[in-house]
Amino acid sequence: CEFRLLPALVNEMHVNLAIGHLDFWEYAHAA
């Protein structure tokens, strides 16, 4: 339930999760 990301990607990830465009594990798989 956790992974690391660069600070520049924080807002993009948050917004995509907030609007339901992507889910957490799509980002985790990419990481």
Full PDB file with SEQRES, HELIX, SHEET, SSBOND, CRYST1, ORIGX, SCALE, CONECT and MASTER records, all heavy atoms in Angstrom:
SEQRES   1 A   31  CYS GLU PHE ARG LEU LEU PRO ALA LEU VAL ASN GLU MET          
SEQRES   2 A   31  HIS VAL ASN LEU ALA ILE GLY HIS LEU ASP PHE TRP GLU          
SEQRES   3 A   31  TYR ALA HIS ALA ALA                                          
HELIX    1 AA1 PRO A    7  LEU A    9  5                                   3    
HELIX    2 AA2 VAL A   10  ALA A   18  1                                   9    
HELIX    3 AA3 PHE A   24  ALA A   30  1                                   7    
CRYST1    1.000    1.000    1.000  90.00  90.00  90.00 P 1           1          
ORIGX1      1.000000  0.000000  0.000000        0.00000                         
ORIGX2      0.000000  1.000000  0.000000        0.00000                         
ORIGX3      0.000000  0.000000  1.000000        0.00000                         
SCALE1      1.000000  0.000000  0.000000        0.00000                         
SCALE2      0.000000  1.000000  0.000000        0.00000                         
SCALE3      0.000000  0.000000  1.000000        0.00000                         
ATOM      1  N   CYS A   1       0.816  -1.222   0.000  1.00  0.00           N  
ATOM      2  CA  CYS A   1       0.000   0.000   0.000  1.00  0.00           C  
ATOM      3  C   CYS A   1       0.842   1.262   0.000  1.00  0.00           C  
ATOM      4  O   CYS A   1       0.363   2.335   0.378  1.00  0.00           O  
ATOM      5  CB  CYS A   1      -0.933  -0.008   1.202  1.00  0.00           C  
ATOM      6  SG  CYS A   1      -2.161  -1.314   1.115  1.00  0.00           S  
ATOM      7  N   GLU A   2       2.112   1.144  -0.399  1.00  0.00           N  
ATOM      8  CA  GLU A   2       2.956   2.336  -0.459  1.00  0.00           C  
ATOM      9  C   GLU A   2       4.067   2.160  -1.480  1.00  0.00           C  
ATOM     10  O   GLU A   2       4.462   1.039  -1.793  1.00  0.00           O  
ATOM     11  CB  GLU A   2       3.527   2.680   0.915  1.00  0.00           C  
ATOM     12  CG  GLU A   2       4.285   1.570   1.574  1.00  0.00           C  
ATOM     13  CD  GLU A   2       4.657   1.873   3.018  1.00  0.00           C  
ATOM     14  OE1 GLU A   2       3.785   2.221   3.818  1.00  0.00           O  
ATOM     15  OE2 GLU A   2       5.861   1.746   3.326  1.00  0.00           O  
ATOM     16  N   PHE A   3       4.533   3.280  -1.992  1.00  0.00           N  
ATOM     17  CA  PHE A   3       5.664   3.313  -2.910  1.00  0.00           C  
ATOM     18  C   PHE A   3       6.190   4.746  -2.921  1.00  0.00           C  
ATOM     19  O   PHE A   3       5.567   5.648  -2.377  1.00  0.00           O  
ATOM     20  CB  PHE A   3       5.270   2.855  -4.331  1.00  0.00           C  
ATOM     21  CG  PHE A   3       4.286   3.768  -5.015  1.00  0.00           C  
ATOM     22  CD1 PHE A   3       4.721   4.845  -5.771  1.00  0.00           C  
ATOM     23  CD2 PHE A   3       2.927   3.555  -4.879  1.00  0.00           C  
ATOM     24  CE1 PHE A   3       3.822   5.694  -6.381  1.00  0.00           C  
ATOM     25  CE2 PHE A   3       2.016   4.387  -5.482  1.00  0.00           C  
ATOM     26  CZ  PHE A   3       2.453   5.461  -6.238  1.00  0.00           C  
ATOM     27  N   ARG A   4       7.317   4.958  -3.568  1.00  0.00           N  
ATOM     28  CA  ARG A   4       7.914   6.298  -3.636  1.00  0.00           C  
ATOM     29  C   ARG A   4       7.669   6.920  -4.999  1.00  0.00           C  
ATOM     30  O   ARG A   4       7.566   6.231  -6.012  1.00  0.00           O  
ATOM     31  CB  ARG A   4       9.411   6.226  -3.355  1.00  0.00           C  
ATOM     32  CG  ARG A   4       9.657   5.812  -1.921  1.00  0.00           C  
ATOM     33  CD  ARG A   4      10.982   6.278  -1.387  1.00  0.00           C  
ATOM     34  NE  ARG A   4      11.026   5.951   0.025  1.00  0.00           N  
ATOM     35  CZ  ARG A   4      10.626   6.769   0.988  1.00  0.00           C  
ATOM     36  NH1 ARG A   4      10.209   7.985   0.699  1.00  0.00           N  
ATOM     37  NH2 ARG A   4      10.675   6.396   2.247  1.00  0.00           N  
ATOM     38  N   LEU A   5       7.605   8.258  -5.002  1.00  0.00           N  
ATOM     39  CA  LEU A   5       7.475   9.009  -6.250  1.00  0.00           C  
ATOM     40  C   LEU A   5       8.153  10.353  -6.094  1.00  0.00           C  
ATOM     41  O   LEU A   5       8.337  10.860  -4.982  1.00  0.00           O  
ATOM     42  CB  LEU A   5       6.010   9.187  -6.648  1.00  0.00           C  
ATOM     43  CG  LEU A   5       5.188  10.255  -5.939  1.00  0.00           C  
ATOM     44  CD1 LEU A   5       3.916  10.513  -6.727  1.00  0.00           C  
ATOM     45  CD2 LEU A   5       4.852   9.837  -4.530  1.00  0.00           C  
ATOM     46  N   LEU A   6       8.526  10.930  -7.239  1.00  0.00           N  
ATOM     47  CA  LEU A   6       9.161  12.239  -7.233  1.00  0.00           C  
ATOM     48  C   LEU A   6       8.126  13.309  -6.881  1.00  0.00           C  
ATOM     49  O   LEU A   6       6.949  13.187  -7.254  1.00  0.00           O  
ATOM     50  CB  LEU A   6       9.781  12.526  -8.593  1.00  0.00           C  
ATOM     51  CG  LEU A   6      10.897  11.574  -9.016  1.00  0.00           C  
ATOM     52  CD1 LEU A   6      11.438  11.972 -10.380  1.00  0.00           C  
ATOM     53  CD2 LEU A   6      12.016  11.529  -7.980  1.00  0.00           C  
ATOM     54  N   PRO A   7       8.538  14.362  -6.176  1.00  0.00           N  
ATOM     55  CA  PRO A   7       7.595  15.412  -5.780  1.00  0.00           C  
ATOM     56  C   PRO A   7       6.816  16.022  -6.945  1.00  0.00           C  
ATOM     57  O   PRO A   7       5.645  16.382  -6.787  1.00  0.00           O  
ATOM     58  CB  PRO A   7       8.489  16.452  -5.100  1.00  0.00           C  
ATOM     59  CG  PRO A   7       9.636  15.669  -4.566  1.00  0.00           C  
ATOM     60  CD  PRO A   7       9.874  14.594  -5.600  1.00  0.00           C  
ATOM     61  N   ALA A   8       7.416  16.113  -8.112  1.00  0.00           N  
ATOM     62  CA  ALA A   8       6.742  16.708  -9.273  1.00  0.00           C  
ATOM     63  C   ALA A   8       5.492  15.936  -9.686  1.00  0.00           C  
ATOM     64  O   ALA A   8       4.627  16.471 -10.381  1.00  0.00           O  
ATOM     65  CB  ALA A   8       7.700  16.807 -10.449  1.00  0.00           C  
ATOM     66  N   LEU A   9       5.357  14.682  -9.260  1.00  0.00           N  
ATOM     67  CA  LEU A   9       4.222  13.845  -9.662  1.00  0.00           C  
ATOM     68  C   LEU A   9       3.104  13.784  -8.623  1.00  0.00           C  
ATOM     69  O   LEU A   9       2.046  13.210  -8.883  1.00  0.00           O  
ATOM     70  CB  LEU A   9       4.709  12.429  -9.965  1.00  0.00           C  
ATOM     71  CG  LEU A   9       5.747  12.329 -11.078  1.00  0.00           C  
ATOM     72  CD1 LEU A   9       6.277  10.916 -11.182  1.00  0.00           C  
ATOM     73  CD2 LEU A   9       5.156  12.793 -12.396  1.00  0.00           C  
ATOM     74  N   VAL A  10       3.323  14.381  -7.467  1.00  0.00           N  
ATOM     75  CA  VAL A  10       2.364  14.306  -6.367  1.00  0.00           C  
ATOM     76  C   VAL A  10       0.995  14.853  -6.765  1.00  0.00           C  
ATOM     77  O   VAL A  10      -0.032  14.203  -6.577  1.00  0.00           O  
ATOM     78  CB  VAL A  10       2.922  15.031  -5.124  1.00  0.00           C  
ATOM     79  CG1 VAL A  10       1.838  15.342  -4.110  1.00  0.00           C  
ATOM     80  CG2 VAL A  10       4.023  14.198  -4.487  1.00  0.00           C  
ATOM     81  N   ASN A  11       0.966  16.058  -7.297  1.00  0.00           N  
ATOM     82  CA  ASN A  11      -0.328  16.674  -7.607  1.00  0.00           C  
ATOM     83  C   ASN A  11      -1.079  15.906  -8.683  1.00  0.00           C  
ATOM     84  O   ASN A  11      -2.280  15.679  -8.576  1.00  0.00           O  
ATOM     85  CB  ASN A  11      -0.151  18.141  -7.994  1.00  0.00           C  
ATOM     86  CG  ASN A  11      -1.457  18.879  -8.019  1.00  0.00           C  
ATOM     87  OD1 ASN A  11      -2.018  19.096  -9.084  1.00  0.00           O  
ATOM     88  ND2 ASN A  11      -1.969  19.231  -6.851  1.00  0.00           N  
ATOM     89  N   GLU A  12      -0.374  15.486  -9.724  1.00  0.00           N  
ATOM     90  CA  GLU A  12      -1.006  14.726 -10.809  1.00  0.00           C  
ATOM     91  C   GLU A  12      -1.648  13.450 -10.262  1.00  0.00           C  
ATOM     92  O   GLU A  12      -2.787  13.117 -10.589  1.00  0.00           O  
ATOM     93  CB  GLU A  12       0.025  14.372 -11.871  1.00  0.00           C  
ATOM     94  CG  GLU A  12      -0.504  13.467 -12.953  1.00  0.00           C  
ATOM     95  CD  GLU A  12       0.588  12.982 -13.889  1.00  0.00           C  
ATOM     96  OE1 GLU A  12       1.598  13.685 -14.077  1.00  0.00           O  
ATOM     97  OE2 GLU A  12       0.419  11.877 -14.425  1.00  0.00           O  
ATOM     98  N   MET A  13      -0.914  12.733  -9.417  1.00  0.00           N  
ATOM     99  CA  MET A  13      -1.460  11.500  -8.853  1.00  0.00           C  
ATOM    100  C   MET A  13      -2.676  11.791  -7.990  1.00  0.00           C  
ATOM    101  O   MET A  13      -3.710  11.139  -8.110  1.00  0.00           O  
ATOM    102  CB  MET A  13      -0.402  10.764  -8.037  1.00  0.00           C  
ATOM    103  CG  MET A  13      -0.918   9.479  -7.429  1.00  0.00           C  
ATOM    104  SD  MET A  13       0.363   8.631  -6.494  1.00  0.00           S  
ATOM    105  CE  MET A  13      -0.617   7.331  -5.760  1.00  0.00           C  
ATOM    106  N   HIS A  14      -2.559  12.777  -7.105  1.00  0.00           N  
ATOM    107  CA  HIS A  14      -3.677  13.121  -6.230  1.00  0.00           C  
ATOM    108  C   HIS A  14      -4.937  13.450  -7.027  1.00  0.00           C  
ATOM    109  O   HIS A  14      -6.020  12.939  -6.731  1.00  0.00           O  
ATOM    110  CB  HIS A  14      -3.314  14.295  -5.313  1.00  0.00           C  
ATOM    111  CG  HIS A  14      -4.504  14.853  -4.629  1.00  0.00           C  
ATOM    112  ND1 HIS A  14      -5.062  14.259  -3.529  1.00  0.00           N  
ATOM    113  CD2 HIS A  14      -5.281  15.923  -4.930  1.00  0.00           C  
ATOM    114  CE1 HIS A  14      -6.137  14.952  -3.169  1.00  0.00           C  
ATOM    115  NE2 HIS A  14      -6.285  15.965  -3.994  1.00  0.00           N  
ATOM    116  N   VAL A  15      -4.811  14.305  -8.022  1.00  0.00           N  
ATOM    117  CA  VAL A  15      -5.976  14.711  -8.817  1.00  0.00           C  
ATOM    118  C   VAL A  15      -6.586  13.517  -9.529  1.00  0.00           C  
ATOM    119  O   VAL A  15      -7.810  13.334  -9.524  1.00  0.00           O  
ATOM    120  CB  VAL A  15      -5.602  15.837  -9.809  1.00  0.00           C  
ATOM    121  CG1 VAL A  15      -6.722  16.093 -10.802  1.00  0.00           C  
ATOM    122  CG2 VAL A  15      -5.260  17.118  -9.053  1.00  0.00           C  
ATOM    123  N   ASN A  16      -5.765  12.677 -10.144  1.00  0.00           N  
ATOM    124  CA  ASN A  16      -6.291  11.500 -10.845  1.00  0.00           C  
ATOM    125  C   ASN A  16      -7.023  10.547  -9.906  1.00  0.00           C  
ATOM    126  O   ASN A  16      -8.032   9.949 -10.284  1.00  0.00           O  
ATOM    127  CB  ASN A  16      -5.185  10.772 -11.600  1.00  0.00           C  
ATOM    128  CG  ASN A  16      -4.895  11.409 -12.929  1.00  0.00           C  
ATOM    129  OD1 ASN A  16      -5.795  11.703 -13.704  1.00  0.00           O  
ATOM    130  ND2 ASN A  16      -3.630  11.653 -13.203  1.00  0.00           N  
ATOM    131  N   LEU A  17      -6.544  10.404  -8.683  1.00  0.00           N  
ATOM    132  CA  LEU A  17      -7.247   9.565  -7.712  1.00  0.00           C  
ATOM    133  C   LEU A  17      -8.529  10.233  -7.238  1.00  0.00           C  
ATOM    134  O   LEU A  17      -9.568   9.584  -7.089  1.00  0.00           O  
ATOM    135  CB  LEU A  17      -6.351   9.241  -6.523  1.00  0.00           C  
ATOM    136  CG  LEU A  17      -5.113   8.396  -6.808  1.00  0.00           C  
ATOM    137  CD1 LEU A  17      -4.320   8.170  -5.535  1.00  0.00           C  
ATOM    138  CD2 LEU A  17      -5.464   7.081  -7.450  1.00  0.00           C  
ATOM    139  N   ALA A  18      -8.467  11.542  -6.997  1.00  0.00           N  
ATOM    140  CA  ALA A  18      -9.637  12.276  -6.493  1.00  0.00           C  
ATOM    141  C   ALA A  18     -10.812  12.241  -7.465  1.00  0.00           C  
ATOM    142  O   ALA A  18     -11.968  12.151  -7.046  1.00  0.00           O  
ATOM    143  CB  ALA A  18      -9.256  13.720  -6.164  1.00  0.00           C  
ATOM    144  N   ILE A  19     -10.519  12.297  -8.761  1.00  0.00           N  
ATOM    145  CA  ILE A  19     -11.612  12.293  -9.745  1.00  0.00           C  
ATOM    146  C   ILE A  19     -11.929  10.887 -10.252  1.00  0.00           C  
ATOM    147  O   ILE A  19     -12.810  10.709 -11.088  1.00  0.00           O  
ATOM    148  CB  ILE A  19     -11.314  13.240 -10.935  1.00  0.00           C  
ATOM    149  CG1 ILE A  19     -10.091  12.777 -11.724  1.00  0.00           C  
ATOM    150  CG2 ILE A  19     -11.177  14.680 -10.446  1.00  0.00           C  
ATOM    151  CD1 ILE A  19      -9.826  13.578 -12.991  1.00  0.00           C  
ATOM    152  N   GLY A  20     -11.208   9.888  -9.737  1.00  0.00           N  
ATOM    153  CA  GLY A  20     -11.479   8.509 -10.111  1.00  0.00           C  
ATOM    154  C   GLY A  20     -10.981   8.113 -11.485  1.00  0.00           C  
ATOM    155  O   GLY A  20     -11.415   7.110 -12.041  1.00  0.00           O  
ATOM    156  N   HIS A  21     -10.048   8.895 -12.029  1.00  0.00           N  
ATOM    157  CA  HIS A  21      -9.509   8.598 -13.358  1.00  0.00           C  
ATOM    158  C   HIS A  21      -8.603   7.364 -13.330  1.00  0.00           C  
ATOM    159  O   HIS A  21      -8.617   6.549 -14.250  1.00  0.00           O  
ATOM    160  CB  HIS A  21      -8.770   9.816 -13.900  1.00  0.00           C  
ATOM    161  CG  HIS A  21      -8.232   9.640 -15.275  1.00  0.00           C  
ATOM    162  ND1 HIS A  21      -9.028   9.494 -16.389  1.00  0.00           N  
ATOM    163  CD2 HIS A  21      -6.957   9.556 -15.723  1.00  0.00           C  
ATOM    164  CE1 HIS A  21      -8.271   9.344 -17.456  1.00  0.00           C  
ATOM    165  NE2 HIS A  21      -7.009   9.374 -17.083  1.00  0.00           N  
ATOM    166  N   LEU A  22      -7.783   7.246 -12.301  1.00  0.00           N  
ATOM    167  CA  LEU A  22      -6.882   6.115 -12.112  1.00  0.00           C  
ATOM    168  C   LEU A  22      -7.002   5.654 -10.662  1.00  0.00           C  
ATOM    169  O   LEU A  22      -7.567   6.356  -9.828  1.00  0.00           O  
ATOM    170  CB  LEU A  22      -5.435   6.524 -12.411  1.00  0.00           C  
ATOM    171  CG  LEU A  22      -5.127   6.955 -13.844  1.00  0.00           C  
ATOM    172  CD1 LEU A  22      -3.739   7.569 -13.929  1.00  0.00           C  
ATOM    173  CD2 LEU A  22      -5.240   5.782 -14.805  1.00  0.00           C  
ATOM    174  N   ASP A  23      -6.441   4.479 -10.361  1.00  0.00           N  
ATOM    175  CA  ASP A  23      -6.427   4.066  -8.966  1.00  0.00           C  
ATOM    176  C   ASP A  23      -4.994   3.948  -8.457  1.00  0.00           C  
ATOM    177  O   ASP A  23      -4.032   3.991  -9.228  1.00  0.00           O  
ATOM    178  CB  ASP A  23      -7.238   2.790  -8.728  1.00  0.00           C  
ATOM    179  CG  ASP A  23      -6.613   1.533  -9.304  1.00  0.00           C  
ATOM    180  OD1 ASP A  23      -5.379   1.456  -9.415  1.00  0.00           O  
ATOM    181  OD2 ASP A  23      -7.374   0.611  -9.633  1.00  0.00           O  
ATOM    182  N   PHE A  24      -4.854   3.825  -7.161  1.00  0.00           N  
ATOM    183  CA  PHE A  24      -3.550   3.807  -6.505  1.00  0.00           C  
ATOM    184  C   PHE A  24      -2.645   2.739  -7.101  1.00  0.00           C  
ATOM    185  O   PHE A  24      -1.462   2.962  -7.337  1.00  0.00           O  
ATOM    186  CB  PHE A  24      -3.744   3.566  -4.998  1.00  0.00           C  
ATOM    187  CG  PHE A  24      -2.474   3.584  -4.214  1.00  0.00           C  
ATOM    188  CD1 PHE A  24      -1.964   4.770  -3.711  1.00  0.00           C  
ATOM    189  CD2 PHE A  24      -1.763   2.413  -3.983  1.00  0.00           C  
ATOM    190  CE1 PHE A  24      -0.777   4.792  -2.978  1.00  0.00           C  
ATOM    191  CE2 PHE A  24      -0.576   2.424  -3.261  1.00  0.00           C  
ATOM    192  CZ  PHE A  24      -0.089   3.620  -2.761  1.00  0.00           C  
ATOM    193  N   TRP A  25      -3.219   1.548  -7.360  1.00  0.00           N  
ATOM    194  CA  TRP A  25      -2.382   0.441  -7.793  1.00  0.00           C  
ATOM    195  C   TRP A  25      -1.894   0.582  -9.227  1.00  0.00           C  
ATOM    196  O   TRP A  25      -0.881  -0.005  -9.595  1.00  0.00           O  
ATOM    197  CB  TRP A  25      -3.106  -0.882  -7.519  1.00  0.00           C  
ATOM    198  CG  TRP A  25      -3.034  -1.098  -6.027  1.00  0.00           C  
ATOM    199  CD1 TRP A  25      -2.020  -1.713  -5.352  1.00  0.00           C  
ATOM    200  CD2 TRP A  25      -3.924  -0.611  -5.042  1.00  0.00           C  
ATOM    201  NE1 TRP A  25      -2.234  -1.637  -4.002  1.00  0.00           N  
ATOM    202  CE2 TRP A  25      -3.411  -0.969  -3.775  1.00  0.00           C  
ATOM    203  CE3 TRP A  25      -5.120   0.094  -5.076  1.00  0.00           C  
ATOM    204  CZ2 TRP A  25      -4.042  -0.654  -2.590  1.00  0.00           C  
ATOM    205  CZ3 TRP A  25      -5.753   0.406  -3.889  1.00  0.00           C  
ATOM    206  CH2 TRP A  25      -5.205   0.033  -2.662  1.00  0.00           C  
ATOM    207  N   GLU A  26      -2.541   1.391 -10.028  1.00  0.00           N  
ATOM    208  CA  GLU A  26      -1.993   1.668 -11.358  1.00  0.00           C  
ATOM    209  C   GLU A  26      -0.664   2.418 -11.212  1.00  0.00           C  
ATOM    210  O   GLU A  26       0.307   2.137 -11.919  1.00  0.00           O  
ATOM    211  CB  GLU A  26      -2.983   2.468 -12.197  1.00  0.00           C  
ATOM    212  CG  GLU A  26      -4.180   1.627 -12.619  1.00  0.00           C  
ATOM    213  CD  GLU A  26      -5.217   2.428 -13.347  1.00  0.00           C  
ATOM    214  OE1 GLU A  26      -6.088   3.025 -12.673  1.00  0.00           O  
ATOM    215  OE2 GLU A  26      -5.147   2.454 -14.592  1.00  0.00           O  
ATOM    216  N   TYR A  27      -0.618   3.354 -10.284  1.00  0.00           N  
ATOM    217  CA  TYR A  27       0.625   4.080 -10.017  1.00  0.00           C  
ATOM    218  C   TYR A  27       1.659   3.157  -9.369  1.00  0.00           C  
ATOM    219  O   TYR A  27       2.845   3.204  -9.698  1.00  0.00           O  
ATOM    220  CB  TYR A  27       0.363   5.289  -9.122  1.00  0.00           C  
ATOM    221  CG  TYR A  27      -0.303   6.433  -9.839  1.00  0.00           C  
ATOM    222  CD1 TYR A  27      -1.667   6.658  -9.723  1.00  0.00           C  
ATOM    223  CD2 TYR A  27       0.437   7.293 -10.640  1.00  0.00           C  
ATOM    224  CE1 TYR A  27      -2.277   7.712 -10.384  1.00  0.00           C  
ATOM    225  CE2 TYR A  27      -0.159   8.358 -11.304  1.00  0.00           C  
ATOM    226  CZ  TYR A  27      -1.523   8.551 -11.172  1.00  0.00           C  
ATOM    227  OH  TYR A  27      -2.125   9.603 -11.836  1.00  0.00           O  
ATOM    228  N   ALA A  28       1.211   2.318  -8.431  1.00  0.00           N  
ATOM    229  CA  ALA A  28       2.127   1.397  -7.756  1.00  0.00           C  
ATOM    230  C   ALA A  28       2.763   0.434  -8.757  1.00  0.00           C  
ATOM    231  O   ALA A  28       3.961   0.143  -8.669  1.00  0.00           O  
ATOM    232  CB  ALA A  28       1.390   0.637  -6.660  1.00  0.00           C  
ATOM    233  N   HIS A  29       1.965  -0.060  -9.708  1.00  0.00           N  
ATOM    234  CA  HIS A  29       2.511  -0.946 -10.751  1.00  0.00           C  
ATOM    235  C   HIS A  29       3.574  -0.216 -11.564  1.00  0.00           C  
ATOM    236  O   HIS A  29       4.622  -0.789 -11.880  1.00  0.00           O  
ATOM    237  CB  HIS A  29       1.401  -1.445 -11.685  1.00  0.00           C  
ATOM    238  CG  HIS A  29       0.601  -2.567 -11.122  1.00  0.00           C  
ATOM    239  ND1 HIS A  29       1.072  -3.861 -11.044  1.00  0.00           N  
ATOM    240  CD2 HIS A  29      -0.645  -2.591 -10.606  1.00  0.00           C  
ATOM    241  CE1 HIS A  29       0.152  -4.631 -10.510  1.00  0.00           C  
ATOM    242  NE2 HIS A  29      -0.904  -3.893 -10.226  1.00  0.00           N  
ATOM    243  N   ALA A  30       3.326   1.039 -11.911  1.00  0.00           N  
ATOM    244  CA  ALA A  30       4.300   1.818 -12.681  1.00  0.00           C  
ATOM    245  C   ALA A  30       5.586   2.024 -11.886  1.00  0.00           C  
ATOM    246  O   ALA A  30       6.692   1.899 -12.427  1.00  0.00           O  
ATOM    247  CB  ALA A  30       3.701   3.160 -13.097  1.00  0.00           C  
ATOM    248  N   ALA A  31       5.459   2.314 -10.591  1.00  0.00           N  
ATOM    249  CA  ALA A  31       6.643   2.500  -9.743  1.00  0.00           C  
ATOM    250  C   ALA A  31       7.443   1.205  -9.642  1.00  0.00           C  
ATOM    251  O   ALA A  31       8.675   1.226  -9.615  1.00  0.00           O  
ATOM    252  CB  ALA A  31       6.234   2.986  -8.357  1.00  0.00           C  
TER     253      ALA A  31                                                      
MASTER        0    0    0    3    0    0    0    6  252    1    0    3          
END                                                                             
